[in-house]
N, C-alpha and C. Protein backbone atom coordinates (compact mmCIF):
# COMPACT_ATOMS: atom_id res chain seq x y z
N MET A 1 0.95 -21.53 1.74
CA MET A 1 -0.41 -21.07 1.85
C MET A 1 -0.92 -21.23 3.26
N THR A 2 -0.48 -22.29 3.94
CA THR A 2 -0.96 -22.54 5.28
C THR A 2 -0.55 -21.39 6.23
N LEU A 3 0.70 -20.96 6.09
CA LEU A 3 1.17 -19.87 6.94
C LEU A 3 0.40 -18.60 6.67
N ALA A 4 0.08 -18.31 5.43
CA ALA A 4 -0.69 -17.12 5.11
C ALA A 4 -2.10 -17.21 5.65
N ALA A 5 -2.71 -18.38 5.55
CA ALA A 5 -4.07 -18.55 6.06
C ALA A 5 -4.10 -18.42 7.59
N VAL A 6 -3.10 -18.96 8.27
CA VAL A 6 -3.01 -18.82 9.72
C VAL A 6 -2.78 -17.35 10.09
N GLY A 7 -1.94 -16.69 9.31
CA GLY A 7 -1.67 -15.27 9.56
C GLY A 7 -2.91 -14.42 9.40
N VAL A 8 -3.73 -14.72 8.40
CA VAL A 8 -4.98 -13.98 8.22
C VAL A 8 -5.95 -14.32 9.34
N ALA A 9 -6.03 -15.58 9.73
CA ALA A 9 -6.95 -15.99 10.79
C ALA A 9 -6.58 -15.35 12.13
N VAL A 10 -5.30 -15.17 12.39
CA VAL A 10 -4.86 -14.55 13.63
C VAL A 10 -4.88 -13.02 13.50
N GLY A 11 -4.52 -12.53 12.33
CA GLY A 11 -4.39 -11.09 12.14
C GLY A 11 -5.70 -10.34 12.10
N LEU A 12 -6.75 -10.92 11.52
CA LEU A 12 -8.02 -10.20 11.44
C LEU A 12 -8.61 -9.88 12.83
N PRO A 13 -8.72 -10.85 13.72
CA PRO A 13 -9.23 -10.50 15.06
C PRO A 13 -8.30 -9.52 15.80
N ALA A 14 -7.00 -9.69 15.62
CA ALA A 14 -6.05 -8.78 16.26
C ALA A 14 -6.21 -7.37 15.70
N ALA A 15 -6.41 -7.24 14.39
CA ALA A 15 -6.58 -5.94 13.79
C ALA A 15 -7.89 -5.29 14.26
N LEU A 16 -8.93 -6.08 14.35
CA LEU A 16 -10.21 -5.55 14.85
C LEU A 16 -10.07 -5.04 16.29
N PHE A 17 -9.31 -5.75 17.08
CA PHE A 17 -9.09 -5.35 18.46
C PHE A 17 -8.22 -4.09 18.56
N LEU A 18 -7.18 -4.03 17.76
CA LEU A 18 -6.21 -2.93 17.85
C LEU A 18 -6.67 -1.64 17.19
N THR A 19 -7.75 -1.68 16.39
CA THR A 19 -8.18 -0.45 15.74
C THR A 19 -8.67 0.59 16.74
N ARG A 20 -9.10 0.16 17.90
CA ARG A 20 -9.50 1.13 18.92
C ARG A 20 -8.34 2.02 19.33
N PHE A 21 -7.16 1.42 19.42
CA PHE A 21 -5.99 2.17 19.84
C PHE A 21 -5.36 2.97 18.68
N LEU A 22 -5.56 2.50 17.47
CA LEU A 22 -4.94 3.17 16.32
C LEU A 22 -5.89 4.12 15.60
N SER A 23 -7.10 4.29 16.08
CA SER A 23 -8.08 5.10 15.38
C SER A 23 -7.66 6.57 15.23
N LYS A 24 -6.84 7.06 16.11
CA LYS A 24 -6.39 8.45 16.04
C LYS A 24 -5.39 8.70 14.91
N ILE A 25 -4.66 7.67 14.50
CA ILE A 25 -3.68 7.87 13.44
C ILE A 25 -4.17 7.38 12.08
N LEU A 26 -5.37 6.82 12.01
CA LEU A 26 -5.95 6.43 10.73
C LEU A 26 -6.51 7.67 10.06
N TYR A 27 -6.08 7.92 8.83
CA TYR A 27 -6.53 9.10 8.11
C TYR A 27 -7.37 8.67 6.91
N GLY A 28 -8.61 9.09 6.89
CA GLY A 28 -9.48 8.81 5.74
C GLY A 28 -10.10 7.42 5.75
N VAL A 29 -9.87 6.67 6.78
CA VAL A 29 -10.42 5.32 6.89
C VAL A 29 -11.02 5.16 8.27
N SER A 30 -12.24 4.61 8.31
CA SER A 30 -12.84 4.39 9.61
C SER A 30 -12.16 3.19 10.27
N PRO A 31 -12.17 3.12 11.59
CA PRO A 31 -11.49 2.01 12.28
C PRO A 31 -12.02 0.62 11.93
N HIS A 32 -13.28 0.54 11.57
CA HIS A 32 -13.85 -0.77 11.23
C HIS A 32 -14.35 -0.74 9.79
N ASP A 33 -13.53 -0.30 8.88
CA ASP A 33 -13.87 -0.23 7.46
C ASP A 33 -14.03 -1.61 6.87
N PRO A 34 -15.22 -2.02 6.49
CA PRO A 34 -15.43 -3.39 6.00
C PRO A 34 -14.71 -3.66 4.68
N LEU A 35 -14.56 -2.65 3.85
CA LEU A 35 -13.86 -2.84 2.58
C LEU A 35 -12.39 -3.18 2.82
N SER A 36 -11.76 -2.50 3.74
CA SER A 36 -10.36 -2.79 4.05
C SER A 36 -10.20 -4.17 4.68
N PHE A 37 -11.09 -4.50 5.59
CA PHE A 37 -11.01 -5.79 6.26
C PHE A 37 -11.36 -6.95 5.34
N ALA A 38 -12.03 -6.71 4.24
CA ALA A 38 -12.34 -7.76 3.28
C ALA A 38 -11.29 -7.83 2.17
N PHE A 39 -10.84 -6.67 1.68
CA PHE A 39 -9.94 -6.66 0.52
C PHE A 39 -8.53 -7.10 0.85
N ILE A 40 -7.98 -6.64 1.94
CA ILE A 40 -6.58 -6.91 2.28
C ILE A 40 -6.32 -8.41 2.49
N PRO A 41 -7.14 -9.14 3.27
CA PRO A 41 -6.87 -10.60 3.39
C PRO A 41 -7.02 -11.34 2.07
N ILE A 42 -7.99 -10.96 1.26
CA ILE A 42 -8.16 -11.62 -0.05
C ILE A 42 -6.95 -11.33 -0.93
N PHE A 43 -6.47 -10.08 -0.92
CA PHE A 43 -5.30 -9.71 -1.70
C PHE A 43 -4.07 -10.47 -1.22
N LEU A 44 -3.89 -10.54 0.10
CA LEU A 44 -2.74 -11.26 0.67
C LEU A 44 -2.76 -12.74 0.29
N LEU A 45 -3.92 -13.37 0.40
CA LEU A 45 -4.02 -14.79 0.05
C LEU A 45 -3.82 -15.00 -1.46
N GLY A 46 -4.28 -14.07 -2.27
CA GLY A 46 -4.07 -14.16 -3.72
C GLY A 46 -2.60 -14.05 -4.11
N VAL A 47 -1.91 -13.10 -3.51
CA VAL A 47 -0.48 -12.96 -3.77
C VAL A 47 0.29 -14.19 -3.29
N THR A 48 -0.09 -14.70 -2.14
CA THR A 48 0.56 -15.92 -1.62
C THR A 48 0.31 -17.10 -2.54
N LEU A 49 -0.88 -17.22 -3.06
CA LEU A 49 -1.20 -18.31 -3.99
C LEU A 49 -0.33 -18.25 -5.22
N VAL A 50 -0.19 -17.08 -5.81
CA VAL A 50 0.65 -16.92 -6.99
C VAL A 50 2.11 -17.19 -6.65
N ALA A 51 2.57 -16.68 -5.50
CA ALA A 51 3.97 -16.85 -5.13
C ALA A 51 4.33 -18.29 -4.81
N THR A 52 3.37 -19.09 -4.40
CA THR A 52 3.65 -20.50 -4.13
C THR A 52 3.36 -21.39 -5.32
N TYR A 53 2.42 -21.00 -6.18
CA TYR A 53 2.05 -21.85 -7.30
C TYR A 53 3.12 -21.88 -8.39
N ILE A 54 3.69 -20.73 -8.69
CA ILE A 54 4.66 -20.66 -9.79
C ILE A 54 5.90 -21.53 -9.49
N PRO A 55 6.56 -21.41 -8.33
CA PRO A 55 7.71 -22.28 -8.07
C PRO A 55 7.34 -23.75 -7.96
N ALA A 56 6.15 -24.04 -7.43
CA ALA A 56 5.72 -25.44 -7.31
C ALA A 56 5.50 -26.04 -8.69
N ARG A 57 4.93 -25.27 -9.59
CA ARG A 57 4.70 -25.76 -10.96
C ARG A 57 6.04 -26.02 -11.67
N ARG A 58 7.01 -25.13 -11.47
CA ARG A 58 8.32 -25.35 -12.09
C ARG A 58 9.00 -26.59 -11.51
N ALA A 59 8.90 -26.77 -10.21
CA ALA A 59 9.54 -27.92 -9.57
C ALA A 59 8.85 -29.21 -9.98
N ALA A 60 7.57 -29.17 -10.23
CA ALA A 60 6.85 -30.39 -10.62
C ALA A 60 7.24 -30.85 -12.02
N GLY A 61 7.75 -29.94 -12.83
CA GLY A 61 8.13 -30.31 -14.19
C GLY A 61 9.54 -30.87 -14.31
N VAL A 62 10.28 -30.93 -13.23
CA VAL A 62 11.65 -31.42 -13.25
C VAL A 62 11.66 -32.92 -12.96
N ASP A 63 12.44 -33.65 -13.76
CA ASP A 63 12.56 -35.08 -13.54
C ASP A 63 13.50 -35.33 -12.35
N PRO A 64 13.04 -36.04 -11.31
CA PRO A 64 13.87 -36.26 -10.14
C PRO A 64 15.17 -37.04 -10.43
N VAL A 65 15.10 -37.97 -11.35
CA VAL A 65 16.30 -38.76 -11.68
C VAL A 65 17.35 -37.85 -12.33
N GLU A 66 16.92 -36.95 -13.17
CA GLU A 66 17.84 -36.02 -13.81
C GLU A 66 18.51 -35.09 -12.78
N VAL A 67 17.77 -34.65 -11.81
CA VAL A 67 18.34 -33.79 -10.77
C VAL A 67 19.35 -34.57 -9.93
N LEU A 68 19.03 -35.80 -9.58
CA LEU A 68 19.95 -36.59 -8.78
C LEU A 68 21.22 -36.93 -9.55
N ARG A 69 21.15 -37.08 -10.84
CA ARG A 69 22.36 -37.36 -11.64
C ARG A 69 23.28 -36.15 -11.64
N ARG A 70 22.71 -34.97 -11.68
CA ARG A 70 23.53 -33.76 -11.73
C ARG A 70 24.17 -33.46 -10.38
N GLU A 71 23.61 -33.92 -9.31
CA GLU A 71 24.16 -33.71 -7.98
C GLU A 71 25.31 -34.64 -7.83
């Protein structure tokens, strides 16, 4: 989650800066579309939360002594 949060924190200002250069190839979206700049980071952080929560929950349910015995 930390990497995703840092990526969003660095990526949003970079995206705002770079939209001036990419405005000619954006089709149907304004360069500073607030919906896109709000939805995409929230979606990215949500997917990251699910992707990290599920394996962490499975790992938390494993008994460490049992894993060490099998190794």
